[in-house]
Amino acid sequence: MHDSSELLADRFEGHRGHLRAVAYRMLGSFSDADDAVQEAWLKLSRTEADEISNLGAWLTTVVGRVCLDMLRSRGSRREEPMDPFVPDPVLRSLEPVDDPEREALLADSVALALLVVLETLEPAERLAFVLHDMFAVPFDDIAPIVGRSSAATRQIASRARRRVRASAPEPERDLARQKQVLDAFLAAARGGDFEALVSVLHPDVVLRADSGPLVGGAAASKVVRGAVAVAQQALAFARFAAASRLVLVNGEVGVVAMPEGRPMSVMGATVADGKIVAVHILADPQRLARLDLGELGE
């Protein structure tokens, strides 16, 4: 007896959150992730669902395959890697949430800095790393997606893991210590204190800003390296600091500027050893307009 379409849809909805999490880590974009999840639903609706013994595992591999195709297509359309790449951020209030499920979700958040590193991996490397290291999918299930043997897939994941460890900074895990550093950063920006800004930035800090294709007729997206240069950028936007507040950005303390109740920019920051080592700013108006502000309010 086949599942009715309504029952099948209900079963699929039970997996949607997990599938979206997989696709987001694969693609760094919520709109692309939603497209991948929708494609998985279309594939399921055309399949003899009652012959699938483990629906969750089947859907996870389908989403993985769809994302792999999207990454390969994305790469073939680019002459150069997308830089600066700033993933879609996940915003949450900094205040504690009395919701164990929500707290568990936040604890498992994937940092923007890690998503940026994942963007530098080859598509097969990213798939193997995300599915195995983040979602514990066995290599035997990943191998058919990448068209390699299980042993070769294990090597692909190992290579990706080494690249991630070499590139992604090990962040400060304590939110209170993160908050101290970001409080000092905001206070220095609001006060126009250049030396204080430099003091909270790692000497090799890297800032990536995605402001959209054009701002005032000129490209404003950029990559800025070094504490002095990043501090100068912070001072240039000091007038917006008064309308900024601390929030959680992908599980880490960051800053959102909301001068009129809507985000003008979102800044994710990675703190390590008491210094900001990476800054990711999203100021693309079109992308910001699509953000889910959750419980931030106005």
Protein backbone atom coordinates (compact mmCIF):
# COMPACT_ATOMS: atom_id res chain seq x y z
CA MET A 1 0.00 0.00 0.00
CA HIS A 2 1.43 3.34 -1.04
CA ASP A 3 1.60 6.38 1.20
CA SER A 4 -1.03 8.94 0.35
CA SER A 5 0.38 12.24 -0.89
CA GLU A 6 -0.76 13.95 2.32
CA LEU A 7 0.89 11.38 4.57
CA LEU A 8 4.06 11.50 2.50
CA ALA A 9 4.12 15.29 2.78
CA ASP A 10 3.75 15.03 6.56
CA ARG A 11 6.62 12.56 6.74
CA PHE A 12 8.76 14.85 4.61
CA GLU A 13 7.98 17.86 6.80
CA GLY A 14 9.33 15.91 9.77
CA HIS A 15 12.73 15.90 8.07
CA ARG A 16 12.69 19.42 6.59
CA GLY A 17 14.65 21.09 9.41
CA HIS A 18 17.44 18.52 9.21
CA LEU A 19 17.57 18.70 5.42
CA ARG A 20 17.72 22.51 5.48
CA ALA A 21 20.60 22.33 7.98
CA VAL A 22 22.50 19.99 5.68
CA ALA A 23 21.86 22.15 2.62
CA TYR A 24 22.79 25.39 4.44
CA ARG A 25 26.15 23.95 5.45
CA MET A 26 26.69 22.78 1.90
CA LEU A 27 25.68 26.04 0.20
CA GLY A 28 25.93 28.90 2.74
CA SER A 29 22.69 30.37 1.39
CA PHE A 30 19.19 29.88 2.76
CA SER A 31 17.50 30.50 -0.59
CA ASP A 32 19.74 27.93 -2.27
CA ALA A 33 19.21 25.55 0.65
CA ASP A 34 15.44 25.89 0.32
CA ASP A 35 15.73 25.17 -3.41
CA ALA A 36 17.72 22.02 -2.65
CA VAL A 37 15.17 20.85 -0.09
CA GLN A 38 12.33 21.51 -2.52
CA GLU A 39 14.12 19.48 -5.18
CA ALA A 40 14.42 16.61 -2.69
CA TRP A 41 10.66 16.76 -2.14
CA LEU A 42 10.03 16.63 -5.87
CA LYS A 43 12.28 13.59 -6.20
CA LEU A 44 10.53 11.90 -3.28
CA SER A 45 7.09 12.61 -4.73
CA ARG A 46 8.12 10.79 -7.90
CA THR A 47 9.50 7.79 -6.00
CA GLU A 48 7.88 4.64 -4.62
CA ALA A 49 8.20 5.93 -1.07
CA ASP A 50 6.99 2.74 0.59
CA GLU A 51 10.07 0.99 -0.77
CA ILE A 52 12.41 3.35 1.12
CA SER A 53 13.48 1.62 4.33
CA ASN A 54 15.11 4.68 5.97
CA LEU A 55 13.48 7.87 4.73
CA GLY A 56 15.73 10.22 6.69
CA ALA A 57 18.91 8.68 5.32
CA TRP A 58 17.48 8.58 1.80
CA LEU A 59 16.50 12.24 1.90
CA THR A 60 19.86 13.27 3.35
CA THR A 61 21.74 11.62 0.49
CA VAL A 62 19.33 13.11 -2.06
CA VAL A 63 19.86 16.61 -0.67
CA GLY A 64 23.60 15.97 -0.65
CA ARG A 65 23.52 14.98 -4.32
CA VAL A 66 21.42 18.04 -5.24
CA CYS A 67 23.79 20.34 -3.34
CA LEU A 68 26.81 18.75 -5.00
CA ASP A 69 25.29 19.44 -8.42
CA MET A 70 24.53 23.03 -7.38
CA LEU A 71 28.10 23.58 -6.15
CA ARG A 72 29.55 22.20 -9.37
CA SER A 73 27.23 24.38 -11.44
CA ARG A 74 28.09 27.39 -9.29
CA GLY A 75 31.81 26.78 -9.80
CA SER A 76 31.49 26.35 -13.56
CA ARG A 77 29.81 29.76 -13.83
CA ARG A 78 32.65 31.54 -12.01
CA GLU A 79 35.97 32.50 -13.48
CA GLU A 80 37.31 33.10 -9.96
CA PRO A 81 36.21 31.99 -6.47
CA MET A 82 33.61 34.31 -4.97
CA ASP A 83 35.49 36.67 -2.68
CA PRO A 84 34.43 38.18 -0.46
CA PHE A 85 32.05 35.37 0.38
CA VAL A 86 29.79 36.14 3.32
CA PRO A 87 27.26 33.40 4.07
CA ASP A 88 23.68 34.12 5.04
CA PRO A 89 23.79 34.75 8.80
CA VAL A 90 21.52 33.24 11.45
CA LEU A 91 20.50 35.93 13.95
CA ARG A 92 19.31 35.28 17.48
CA SER A 93 18.90 37.38 20.59
CA LEU A 94 21.86 37.40 22.96
CA GLU A 95 19.50 36.92 25.89
CA PRO A 96 19.24 33.35 27.19
CA VAL A 97 16.32 31.43 25.75
CA ASP A 98 14.39 29.17 28.13
CA ASP A 99 14.01 26.54 25.46
CA PRO A 100 16.26 23.47 25.63
CA GLU A 101 15.62 22.64 21.96
CA ARG A 102 16.55 26.16 20.84
CA GLU A 103 19.64 26.19 23.08
CA ALA A 104 20.74 22.87 21.59
CA LEU A 105 20.27 24.32 18.10
CA LEU A 106 22.34 27.38 18.95
CA ALA A 107 25.07 25.24 20.49
CA ASP A 108 25.28 23.36 17.20
CA SER A 109 25.43 26.51 15.09
CA VAL A 110 28.03 26.57 12.35
CA ALA A 111 30.22 29.68 12.53
CA LEU A 112 30.47 32.06 9.59
CA ALA A 113 34.25 31.62 9.55
CA LEU A 114 33.84 27.87 9.07
CA LEU A 115 31.31 28.38 6.27
CA VAL A 116 33.79 30.69 4.52
CA VAL A 117 36.45 27.98 4.71
CA LEU A 118 33.98 25.38 3.41
CA GLU A 119 33.44 27.61 0.38
CA THR A 120 37.13 27.12 -0.56
CA LEU A 121 36.82 23.32 -0.69
CA GLU A 122 36.21 21.35 -3.84
CA PRO A 123 32.53 20.30 -4.10
CA ALA A 124 33.25 16.63 -3.34
CA GLU A 125 35.44 17.61 -0.37
CA ARG A 126 32.72 19.82 1.04
CA LEU A 127 30.10 17.11 0.63
CA ALA A 128 32.21 14.44 2.30
CA PHE A 129 33.19 16.74 5.17
CA VAL A 130 29.68 18.08 5.81
CA LEU A 131 27.86 14.76 5.59
CA HIS A 132 30.40 12.71 7.54
CA ASP A 133 31.94 15.13 10.05
CA MET A 134 28.83 17.22 10.74
CA PHE A 135 26.02 14.69 10.27
CA ALA A 136 27.74 11.32 10.80
CA VAL A 137 26.67 9.90 7.43
CA PRO A 138 28.70 6.72 6.76
CA PHE A 139 31.28 6.83 3.97
CA ASP A 140 29.52 3.88 2.33
CA ASP A 141 26.49 6.15 1.83
CA ILE A 142 28.53 9.14 0.65
CA ALA A 143 30.65 7.22 -1.86
CA PRO A 144 27.91 6.68 -4.47
CA ILE A 145 27.10 10.42 -4.43
CA VAL A 146 30.66 11.42 -5.36
CA GLY A 147 31.16 8.40 -7.61
CA ARG A 148 34.16 7.08 -5.69
CA SER A 149 34.92 4.06 -3.53
CA SER A 150 34.32 4.23 0.20
CA ALA A 151 38.07 4.28 0.84
CA ALA A 152 38.60 7.10 -1.66
CA THR A 153 35.71 9.04 -0.12
CA ARG A 154 37.34 8.67 3.29
CA GLN A 155 40.50 10.21 1.85
CA ILE A 156 38.51 13.07 0.34
CA ALA A 157 36.98 13.83 3.75
CA SER A 158 40.39 13.58 5.42
CA ARG A 159 41.86 16.07 2.96
CA ALA A 160 38.96 18.44 3.58
CA ARG A 161 39.37 18.07 7.34
CA ARG A 162 43.05 19.03 7.14
CA ARG A 163 42.22 22.09 5.06
CA VAL A 164 39.51 23.16 7.50
CA ARG A 165 41.77 22.76 10.52
CA ALA A 166 44.55 24.71 8.82
CA SER A 167 42.28 27.58 7.75
CA ALA A 168 39.47 27.97 10.27
CA PRO A 169 40.52 29.77 13.46
CA GLU A 170 39.78 27.96 16.72
CA PRO A 171 37.23 30.30 18.30
CA GLU A 172 36.61 31.29 21.88
CA ARG A 173 33.70 29.16 23.05
CA ASP A 174 32.69 31.19 26.11
CA LEU A 175 29.96 33.66 25.10
CA ALA A 176 30.69 35.90 28.09
CA ARG A 177 34.30 36.35 26.98
CA GLN A 178 33.17 36.91 23.39
CA LYS A 179 30.76 39.58 24.65
CA GLN A 180 33.54 41.38 26.56
CA VAL A 181 35.60 41.70 23.39
CA LEU A 182 32.65 42.84 21.24
CA ASP A 183 31.52 45.32 23.93
CA ALA A 184 35.01 46.82 23.84
CA PHE A 185 34.93 46.93 20.04
CA LEU A 186 31.56 48.74 19.96
CA ALA A 187 32.60 51.18 22.70
CA ALA A 188 35.76 52.05 20.78
CA ALA A 189 33.83 52.50 17.54
CA ARG A 190 31.22 54.71 19.22
CA GLY A 191 33.96 56.81 20.82
CA GLY A 192 36.07 57.04 17.68
CA ASP A 193 39.00 55.57 19.63
CA PHE A 194 41.35 54.21 16.97
CA GLU A 195 43.94 52.82 19.38
CA ALA A 196 41.29 51.01 21.40
CA LEU A 197 39.92 49.46 18.19
CA VAL A 198 43.37 48.23 17.17
CA SER A 199 43.88 46.75 20.65
CA VAL A 200 40.91 44.37 20.34
CA LEU A 201 41.84 43.25 16.82
CA HIS A 202 44.35 40.50 16.06
CA PRO A 203 47.26 41.88 14.01
CA ASP A 204 46.32 39.53 11.15
CA VAL A 205 42.55 40.04 11.37
CA VAL A 206 40.69 39.61 8.07
CA LEU A 207 37.46 41.49 7.28
CA ARG A 208 35.17 40.33 4.49
CA ALA A 209 32.30 42.61 3.54
CA ASP A 210 29.53 41.88 1.07
CA SER A 211 27.66 45.09 0.33
CA GLY A 212 25.94 43.90 -2.80
CA PRO A 213 26.93 44.58 -6.40
CA LEU A 214 26.86 48.37 -6.27
CA VAL A 215 26.73 51.02 -3.56
CA GLY A 216 26.67 54.62 -4.73
CA GLY A 217 27.71 53.51 -8.19
CA ALA A 218 30.85 51.70 -7.04
CA ALA A 219 31.62 48.23 -5.81
CA ALA A 220 31.84 48.29 -2.00
CA SER A 221 32.40 44.62 -1.27
CA LYS A 222 35.94 44.06 -0.11
CA VAL A 223 38.49 42.03 1.79
CA VAL A 224 40.54 44.03 4.31
CA ARG A 225 43.55 42.59 6.13
CA GLY A 226 45.37 43.75 9.25
CA ALA A 227 44.33 45.45 12.49
CA VAL A 228 45.10 49.00 11.35
CA ALA A 229 43.15 48.71 8.09
CA VAL A 230 40.18 47.01 9.77
CA ALA A 231 40.12 49.64 12.54
CA GLN A 232 40.01 52.35 9.86
CA GLN A 233 37.02 50.63 8.30
CA ALA A 234 35.30 50.48 11.70
CA LEU A 235 35.81 54.21 12.23
CA ALA A 236 34.33 54.92 8.81
CA PHE A 237 31.06 53.40 10.00
CA ALA A 238 31.23 54.74 13.55
CA ARG A 239 28.13 56.90 12.99
CA PHE A 240 26.04 53.74 12.87
CA ALA A 241 27.49 52.32 16.08
CA ALA A 242 24.85 54.03 18.22
CA ALA A 243 22.16 52.05 16.40
CA SER A 244 24.08 48.79 16.80
CA ARG A 245 23.61 46.08 19.37
CA LEU A 246 25.08 42.73 20.21
CA VAL A 247 23.31 39.61 18.99
CA LEU A 248 24.18 36.02 18.30
CA VAL A 249 25.35 35.55 14.71
CA ASN A 250 25.61 31.84 13.89
CA GLY A 251 26.06 31.06 17.57
CA GLU A 252 28.81 33.64 18.17
CA VAL A 253 28.51 37.16 19.55
CA GLY A 254 28.22 39.67 16.71
CA VAL A 255 26.72 43.04 15.90
CA VAL A 256 23.61 44.12 14.04
CA ALA A 257 23.02 47.75 13.02
CA MET A 258 19.29 48.55 12.96
CA PRO A 259 18.92 52.34 12.65
CA GLU A 260 15.24 52.15 11.61
CA GLY A 261 14.22 48.79 13.02
CA ARG A 262 15.54 46.84 10.04
CA PRO A 263 19.10 45.54 9.73
CA MET A 264 21.43 47.80 7.77
CA SER A 265 24.34 45.46 8.36
CA VAL A 266 25.16 42.28 10.24
CA MET A 267 28.67 41.67 11.53
CA GLY A 268 29.82 38.23 12.56
CA ALA A 269 33.04 38.15 14.55
CA THR A 270 35.36 35.31 15.50
CA VAL A 271 37.17 35.82 18.79
CA ALA A 272 40.29 33.87 19.75
CA ASP A 273 42.65 34.54 22.67
CA GLY A 274 40.82 37.74 23.53
CA LYS A 275 41.16 39.28 20.06
CA ILE A 276 38.90 39.51 17.01
CA VAL A 277 40.56 37.36 14.34
CA ALA A 278 37.89 37.43 11.63
CA VAL A 279 35.05 39.78 10.71
CA HIS A 280 32.26 39.00 8.25
CA ILE A 281 29.90 41.83 7.32
CA LEU A 282 26.74 41.43 5.28
CA ALA A 283 25.38 44.78 4.07
CA ASP A 284 23.72 43.73 0.81
CA PRO A 285 20.23 45.30 1.11
CA GLN A 286 18.53 42.57 -0.92
CA ARG A 287 20.02 39.76 1.15
CA LEU A 288 19.39 41.60 4.43
CA ALA A 289 15.72 42.07 3.50
CA ARG A 290 15.30 38.30 3.38
CA LEU A 291 16.75 37.68 6.84
CA ASP A 292 14.68 36.00 9.54
CA LEU A 293 15.03 38.32 12.53
CA GLY A 294 13.58 35.69 14.84
CA GLU A 295 13.05 37.12 18.31
CA LEU A 296 15.15 40.25 17.67
CA GLY A 297 12.08 42.42 17.18
CA GLU A 298 12.54 46.03 16.33
